[in-house]
Amino acid sequence: METEVLHRKGFGGSLPVENVQALASKNLKDIPSRYIRPEIESDVVSIDESLKIPMIDMSKLDHDDEQKKLHLACKDWGFFQLINHGLGDEVIEKMKIDVQEFFKLPSEEKILPNNIEGYGQAFVVSEDQKLDWGDMLFLLPRPVSQRNLRFWPTTPPSFRATLDKYSMELQKVTLHLMSLMAKNLGTDPKTLTSFFEDGIQGTRMNYYPPCAQANKVFGLAPHSDTTGLTLLIQVNEVEGLQIKKNGKWVPVKPIPGAFIINIGDMIEIMSNGEYKSIEHRAVVNPRKERLSIAAFHHPNICTKLGPLPDLVKTNEARYKTLPLEEFLKLKLSSKLNGKGPLNQMKL
């Protein structure tokens, strides 16, 4: 039932647009105007190299000091890098290799999108909307019973087994983090993790081609994630993720082997604003391609999304409570636009 909701006509489909990878291969000096973002020129990017998102060591999270660091990272930054997460290097490297192989395929061998899942772009809701300089393959690996394998690539041949293993391991890491976050929030860990144990996991594999006018385009427009938690891994060495902190865009320098983790809108709501989802964006490189893999973890679609009851016993609720399906529909039927849909949830 869960992913059937995501496939209903009109729930979150995207209008078809030209494949950016193919467009980039033409080596155009002037790219189409739909990709040009004039607002970038006024954006301030931090050059303070001491400003870095926190690093959390998962192997030390049974100690109070590291748990406090996790709490502050979720509260003050909404982003952190997770090291010693227990997910095997071989699982991560195989996922990276298979994603790279997929994006090397000719356009005609890539699967076309339909509603949410597939290859192309997302959140394109009008013919005159500005576009991002990037393509993606988006799949819903969990819950396993609801997989739609017609969108899953068969080339490379190992892709399906690789994603199956990767998604399972990520789920374990996510539930462990959720349990610790609940403890830090002063609520029952079992209550929070129960929403996500049979929840929806969406995996977005991103390909950002080089662009001669890289300083005028977004790889991915500024937004916060709808999700509970997002776990992102860098596929190659090209940087591009930036987060908004104190009105400036802060470049993220990935730690090799670490997951970059961010709080999503749903955890901001469930924590009653104690933890914050943060606007972030992807910029592109003028000479090199960039690839990344982001896994989004949502509660079960039957969830009533709102502040956890324990957290509003002595404090006023700051967010509405409504069916998760309604919040997803609100977000997925809109173009990426900062924290717009989340702001509509505030009381």
Protein backbone atom coordinates (compact mmCIF):
# COMPACT_ATOMS: atom_id res chain seq x y z
CA MET A 1 0.00 0.00 0.00
CA GLU A 2 2.76 2.46 0.98
CA THR A 3 4.34 3.06 -2.40
CA GLU A 4 1.07 2.70 -4.27
CA VAL A 5 0.22 6.11 -2.80
CA LEU A 6 3.32 7.56 -4.43
CA HIS A 7 2.31 6.21 -7.82
CA ARG A 8 -1.21 7.63 -7.94
CA LYS A 9 -1.75 9.90 -10.91
CA GLY A 10 -1.07 13.51 -10.02
CA PHE A 11 0.51 12.75 -6.68
CA GLY A 12 4.05 13.70 -7.52
CA GLY A 13 4.78 13.24 -11.19
CA SER A 14 7.23 15.36 -13.13
CA LEU A 15 6.87 16.83 -16.62
CA PRO A 16 9.32 15.35 -19.16
CA VAL A 17 12.33 17.53 -19.93
CA GLU A 18 15.50 17.13 -21.96
CA ASN A 19 18.15 14.83 -20.57
CA VAL A 20 20.88 17.06 -19.08
CA GLN A 21 23.60 14.48 -19.59
CA ALA A 22 22.85 14.46 -23.32
CA LEU A 23 22.60 18.26 -23.40
CA ALA A 24 25.99 18.60 -21.71
CA SER A 25 27.59 16.28 -24.27
CA LYS A 26 26.92 18.93 -26.96
CA ASN A 27 29.52 21.20 -25.29
CA LEU A 28 27.32 24.27 -25.67
CA LYS A 29 28.93 27.62 -24.90
CA ASP A 30 25.55 29.10 -24.05
CA ILE A 31 23.14 26.81 -22.24
CA PRO A 32 19.34 27.15 -22.57
CA SER A 33 17.82 29.98 -20.55
CA ARG A 34 15.64 27.61 -18.49
CA TYR A 35 18.78 26.56 -16.61
CA ILE A 36 20.11 30.07 -15.90
CA ARG A 37 19.51 31.25 -12.32
CA PRO A 38 20.14 35.01 -11.95
CA GLU A 39 19.69 34.82 -8.17
CA ILE A 40 22.98 32.92 -7.79
CA GLU A 41 24.95 36.13 -8.39
CA SER A 42 23.69 37.67 -5.13
CA ASP A 43 24.25 34.55 -3.01
CA VAL A 44 27.03 34.72 -0.41
CA VAL A 45 29.26 31.63 -0.17
CA SER A 46 31.31 31.32 3.01
CA ILE A 47 35.09 31.24 2.62
CA ASP A 48 35.64 30.50 6.32
CA GLU A 49 37.32 27.08 6.20
CA SER A 50 36.88 26.63 9.95
CA LEU A 51 33.11 26.51 9.45
CA LYS A 52 32.46 22.78 9.10
CA ILE A 53 29.48 20.55 9.78
CA PRO A 54 30.01 18.37 12.89
CA MET A 55 31.55 14.90 12.70
CA ILE A 56 29.92 12.11 14.73
CA ASP A 57 31.65 8.80 15.48
CA MET A 58 28.98 6.10 15.54
CA SER A 59 31.30 3.68 17.37
CA LYS A 60 31.34 6.11 20.33
CA LEU A 61 27.62 6.82 20.55
CA ASP A 62 27.30 4.66 23.64
CA HIS A 63 29.18 7.42 25.49
CA ASP A 64 27.41 10.51 26.84
CA ASP A 65 29.88 12.95 25.28
CA GLU A 66 29.28 11.67 21.73
CA GLN A 67 25.52 11.52 22.28
CA LYS A 68 25.62 15.17 23.36
CA LYS A 69 27.58 16.00 20.19
CA LEU A 70 24.87 14.24 18.15
CA HIS A 71 22.14 16.22 19.92
CA LEU A 72 23.88 19.54 19.27
CA ALA A 73 24.57 18.62 15.65
CA CYS A 74 20.86 17.91 15.06
CA LYS A 75 19.79 21.01 16.97
CA ASP A 76 22.30 23.61 15.79
CA TRP A 77 23.29 22.39 12.32
CA GLY A 78 20.75 19.86 11.03
CA PHE A 79 23.70 18.20 9.27
CA PHE A 80 26.60 16.00 10.33
CA GLN A 81 29.10 13.53 8.91
CA LEU A 82 28.93 10.02 10.34
CA ILE A 83 32.12 7.97 10.56
CA ASN A 84 32.62 4.38 11.76
CA HIS A 85 29.00 3.69 10.84
CA GLY A 86 29.52 -0.06 10.45
CA LEU A 87 28.44 -0.26 6.82
CA GLY A 88 31.10 -2.26 4.99
CA ASP A 89 33.41 -0.51 2.52
CA GLU A 90 32.71 -3.23 -0.03
CA VAL A 91 28.94 -2.54 0.08
CA ILE A 92 29.46 1.20 -0.42
CA GLU A 93 32.09 0.81 -3.16
CA LYS A 94 29.94 -1.66 -5.11
CA MET A 95 27.01 0.75 -4.96
CA LYS A 96 29.23 3.58 -6.24
CA ILE A 97 30.57 1.45 -9.10
CA ASP A 98 27.12 0.31 -10.23
CA VAL A 99 25.75 3.86 -10.16
CA GLN A 100 28.66 5.11 -12.24
CA GLU A 101 28.14 2.28 -14.73
CA PHE A 102 24.44 3.11 -15.02
CA PHE A 103 25.07 6.75 -15.88
CA LYS A 104 27.60 5.71 -18.54
CA LEU A 105 24.83 3.93 -20.47
CA PRO A 106 23.47 5.49 -23.67
CA SER A 107 20.28 7.49 -23.12
CA GLU A 108 18.12 4.91 -24.89
CA GLU A 109 19.21 2.24 -22.40
CA LYS A 110 18.15 4.26 -19.38
CA ILE A 111 14.64 3.71 -18.08
CA LEU A 112 12.24 6.62 -18.56
CA PRO A 113 10.40 8.01 -15.54
CA ASN A 114 6.78 7.49 -14.64
CA ASN A 115 5.38 9.53 -11.77
CA ILE A 116 7.98 9.37 -9.00
CA GLU A 117 10.33 6.53 -9.94
CA GLY A 118 12.72 6.29 -12.86
CA TYR A 119 15.35 8.30 -14.68
CA GLY A 120 15.24 12.03 -15.47
CA GLN A 121 14.34 15.03 -13.32
CA ALA A 122 11.85 15.53 -10.50
CA PHE A 123 9.66 18.38 -9.27
CA VAL A 124 9.12 19.83 -12.77
CA VAL A 125 5.52 21.05 -12.51
CA SER A 126 5.24 23.68 -15.27
CA GLU A 127 6.53 24.30 -18.80
CA ASP A 128 8.24 27.58 -17.90
CA GLN A 129 9.82 26.45 -14.64
CA LYS A 130 13.57 26.87 -14.19
CA LEU A 131 15.46 23.57 -14.41
CA ASP A 132 18.36 22.01 -12.54
CA TRP A 133 21.61 21.02 -14.26
CA GLY A 134 21.45 17.36 -13.31
CA ASP A 135 19.78 14.01 -13.92
CA MET A 136 18.76 11.38 -11.44
CA LEU A 137 17.64 7.81 -11.05
CA PHE A 138 15.06 7.59 -8.27
CA LEU A 139 13.88 4.25 -6.85
CA LEU A 140 11.90 3.09 -3.82
CA PRO A 141 13.77 0.07 -2.42
CA ARG A 142 11.76 -0.20 0.80
CA PRO A 143 9.41 -1.59 1.88
CA VAL A 144 10.61 -4.61 -0.08
CA SER A 145 7.08 -5.91 -0.69
CA GLN A 146 6.19 -2.75 -2.62
CA ARG A 147 9.18 -2.55 -4.97
CA ASN A 148 8.37 -1.76 -8.59
CA LEU A 149 11.16 -3.62 -10.37
CA ARG A 150 10.26 -2.38 -13.83
CA PHE A 151 12.09 0.83 -12.93
CA TRP A 152 15.16 -0.99 -11.59
CA PRO A 153 18.02 -1.16 -14.12
CA THR A 154 19.16 -4.55 -15.37
CA THR A 155 22.45 -3.03 -16.56
CA PRO A 156 24.86 -3.35 -14.92
CA PRO A 157 23.68 -6.89 -14.10
CA SER A 158 24.63 -6.58 -10.43
CA PHE A 159 22.67 -3.34 -9.87
CA ARG A 160 19.54 -4.84 -8.32
CA ALA A 161 21.38 -7.05 -5.84
CA THR A 162 23.72 -4.20 -4.97
CA LEU A 163 20.91 -1.75 -4.21
CA ASP A 164 19.04 -4.43 -2.24
CA LYS A 165 22.03 -4.94 0.07
CA TYR A 166 22.83 -1.23 0.31
CA SER A 167 19.26 -0.25 1.20
CA MET A 168 19.03 -2.92 3.90
CA GLU A 169 22.26 -1.77 5.56
CA LEU A 170 21.22 1.88 5.44
CA GLN A 171 17.95 1.02 7.15
CA LYS A 172 19.88 -0.45 10.09
CA VAL A 173 22.00 2.70 10.46
CA THR A 174 18.93 4.92 10.24
CA LEU A 175 16.98 3.06 12.93
CA HIS A 176 19.98 3.12 15.27
CA LEU A 177 20.34 6.88 14.82
CA MET A 178 16.60 7.40 15.30
CA SER A 179 16.76 5.53 18.61
CA LEU A 180 19.61 7.71 19.87
CA MET A 181 17.93 10.89 18.68
CA ALA A 182 14.73 9.97 20.52
CA LYS A 183 16.73 9.42 23.70
CA ASN A 184 18.34 12.84 23.28
CA LEU A 185 14.92 14.42 22.77
CA GLY A 186 13.61 12.82 25.96
CA THR A 187 11.04 10.61 24.27
CA ASP A 188 10.63 6.84 23.95
CA PRO A 189 13.06 5.42 21.36
CA LYS A 190 10.67 2.59 20.48
CA THR A 191 7.91 5.07 19.66
CA LEU A 192 10.04 7.01 17.17
CA THR A 193 11.68 4.00 15.54
CA SER A 194 8.32 2.24 15.15
CA PHE A 195 7.26 4.86 12.60
CA PHE A 196 10.29 4.08 10.43
CA GLU A 197 10.68 0.30 10.80
CA ASP A 198 8.29 -0.39 7.92
CA GLY A 199 8.61 3.04 6.40
CA ILE A 200 9.45 4.25 2.90
CA GLN A 201 13.03 4.50 1.73
CA GLY A 202 13.68 6.41 -1.47
CA THR A 203 17.11 6.37 -3.13
CA ARG A 204 18.10 9.18 -5.44
CA MET A 205 21.23 8.65 -7.54
CA ASN A 206 22.43 12.03 -8.84
CA TYR A 207 24.49 12.86 -11.91
CA TYR A 208 25.63 16.46 -12.36
CA PRO A 209 27.44 16.97 -15.69
CA PRO A 210 30.12 19.66 -15.98
CA CYS A 211 28.79 23.01 -17.20
CA ALA A 212 30.66 25.82 -18.96
CA GLN A 213 28.42 28.29 -17.12
CA ALA A 214 28.61 26.53 -13.78
CA ASN A 215 28.41 29.81 -11.85
CA LYS A 216 24.94 30.45 -13.31
CA VAL A 217 23.18 27.12 -12.71
CA PHE A 218 22.07 24.87 -9.86
CA GLY A 219 22.74 21.16 -9.86
CA LEU A 220 19.87 21.05 -7.38
CA ALA A 221 17.92 24.13 -6.29
CA PRO A 222 17.87 25.20 -2.61
CA HIS A 223 15.47 23.09 -0.55
CA SER A 224 15.02 21.17 2.66
CA ASP A 225 14.31 17.44 2.50
CA THR A 226 10.77 16.20 3.11
CA THR A 227 12.13 13.10 4.78
CA GLY A 228 12.88 12.01 8.34
CA LEU A 229 16.60 11.43 7.80
CA THR A 230 18.70 11.61 4.63
CA LEU A 231 21.93 9.62 4.29
CA LEU A 232 24.16 10.78 1.44
CA ILE A 233 27.39 9.32 0.12
CA GLN A 234 29.71 11.05 -2.32
CA VAL A 235 30.41 8.81 -5.35
CA ASN A 236 33.42 10.64 -6.77
CA GLU A 237 35.80 13.29 -5.45
CA VAL A 238 34.04 16.34 -6.90
CA GLU A 239 32.43 18.53 -4.23
CA GLY A 240 29.19 20.44 -4.70
CA LEU A 241 26.94 20.21 -1.63
CA GLN A 242 26.35 23.49 0.21
CA ILE A 243 24.20 24.16 3.28
CA LYS A 244 22.70 27.44 4.46
CA LYS A 245 24.08 28.68 7.77
CA ASN A 246 23.51 32.19 9.15
CA GLY A 247 22.46 33.46 5.73
CA LYS A 248 25.54 32.15 3.93
CA TRP A 249 26.14 29.04 1.85
CA VAL A 250 28.72 26.77 3.47
CA PRO A 251 30.49 24.23 1.21
CA VAL A 252 30.60 20.70 2.65
CA LYS A 253 33.90 18.85 2.37
CA PRO A 254 33.04 15.13 2.51
CA ILE A 255 35.14 12.91 4.76
CA PRO A 256 36.16 9.79 2.77
CA GLY A 257 33.91 6.87 3.70
CA ALA A 258 31.58 9.01 5.84
CA PHE A 259 27.85 9.47 5.36
CA ILE A 260 26.60 13.05 5.21
CA ILE A 261 23.37 12.99 7.21
CA ASN A 262 20.72 15.65 7.46
CA ILE A 263 17.54 16.20 9.41
CA GLY A 264 14.44 16.31 7.21
CA ASP A 265 11.19 18.23 7.56
CA MET A 266 9.43 15.26 9.17
CA ILE A 267 11.89 15.04 12.06
CA GLU A 268 11.66 18.81 12.54
CA ILE A 269 7.90 18.39 12.88
CA MET A 270 8.08 15.26 15.07
CA SER A 271 10.66 16.89 17.37
CA ASN A 272 8.38 19.96 17.61
CA GLY A 273 11.14 22.13 16.19
CA GLU A 274 13.93 21.00 18.54
CA TYR A 275 15.77 19.60 15.53
CA LYS A 276 15.80 21.64 12.33
CA SER A 277 15.80 20.70 8.66
CA ILE A 278 18.27 22.90 6.80
CA GLU A 279 18.18 24.36 3.32
CA HIS A 280 20.88 22.95 1.07
CA ARG A 281 21.73 22.92 -2.62
CA ALA A 282 24.06 21.34 -5.15
CA VAL A 283 26.36 23.41 -7.35
CA VAL A 284 28.18 22.05 -10.39
CA ASN A 285 31.75 22.00 -11.62
CA PRO A 286 32.82 23.65 -14.90
CA ARG A 287 35.10 20.76 -15.88
CA LYS A 288 34.18 17.62 -13.94
CA GLU A 289 31.06 15.52 -13.42
CA ARG A 290 29.78 14.97 -9.89
CA LEU A 291 27.84 11.96 -8.62
CA SER A 292 26.17 11.29 -5.28
CA ILE A 293 23.66 8.88 -3.76
CA ALA A 294 21.03 10.15 -1.29
CA ALA A 295 18.73 7.81 0.64
CA PHE A 296 15.59 9.35 2.15
CA HIS A 297 13.88 7.63 5.09
CA HIS A 298 10.19 8.36 5.65
CA PRO A 299 7.73 6.94 8.19
CA ASN A 300 5.05 4.47 7.17
CA ILE A 301 2.51 6.18 4.92
CA CYS A 302 -0.24 5.45 7.48
CA THR A 303 1.51 7.71 10.02
CA LYS A 304 -0.19 10.80 11.40
CA LEU A 305 2.58 13.36 11.06
CA GLY A 306 2.88 15.80 13.94
CA PRO A 307 4.86 16.56 17.09
CA LEU A 308 5.49 13.46 19.23
CA PRO A 309 3.00 13.40 22.15
CA ASP A 310 5.76 13.28 24.79
CA LEU A 311 7.16 16.56 23.50
CA VAL A 312 3.94 18.57 23.74
CA LYS A 313 2.89 17.59 27.26
CA THR A 314 4.46 20.71 28.73
CA ASN A 315 5.14 22.70 25.55
CA GLU A 316 2.73 24.00 22.94
CA ALA A 317 2.68 22.19 19.60
CA ARG A 318 4.40 24.33 16.96
CA TYR A 319 3.23 22.25 14.00
CA LYS A 320 -0.03 20.84 12.74
CA THR A 321 -0.79 17.13 12.77
CA LEU A 322 -2.09 15.63 9.54
CA PRO A 323 -1.86 12.37 7.57
CA LEU A 324 1.62 11.81 6.17
CA GLU A 325 0.09 11.26 2.74
CA GLU A 326 -1.21 14.84 2.70
CA PHE A 327 2.18 16.30 3.60
CA LEU A 328 3.92 14.22 0.92
CA LYS A 329 1.38 15.31 -1.65
CA LEU A 330 1.95 18.94 -0.72
CA LYS A 331 5.72 18.59 -1.12
CA LEU A 332 5.90 16.32 -4.15
CA SER A 333 3.47 18.33 -6.24
CA SER A 334 5.56 21.49 -5.84
CA LYS A 335 8.82 22.68 -7.32
CA LEU A 336 11.80 22.78 -4.97
CA ASN A 337 11.48 26.03 -3.07
CA GLY A 338 13.37 26.36 0.20
CA LYS A 339 11.28 25.27 3.20
CA GLY A 340 7.95 26.36 1.69
CA PRO A 341 5.83 23.25 2.37
CA LEU A 342 7.22 22.92 5.92
CA ASN A 343 6.31 26.51 6.72
CA GLN A 344 2.68 25.67 5.84
CA MET A 345 2.75 23.13 8.70
CA LYS A 346 3.61 25.70 11.37
CA LEU A 347 0.97 26.84 13.83
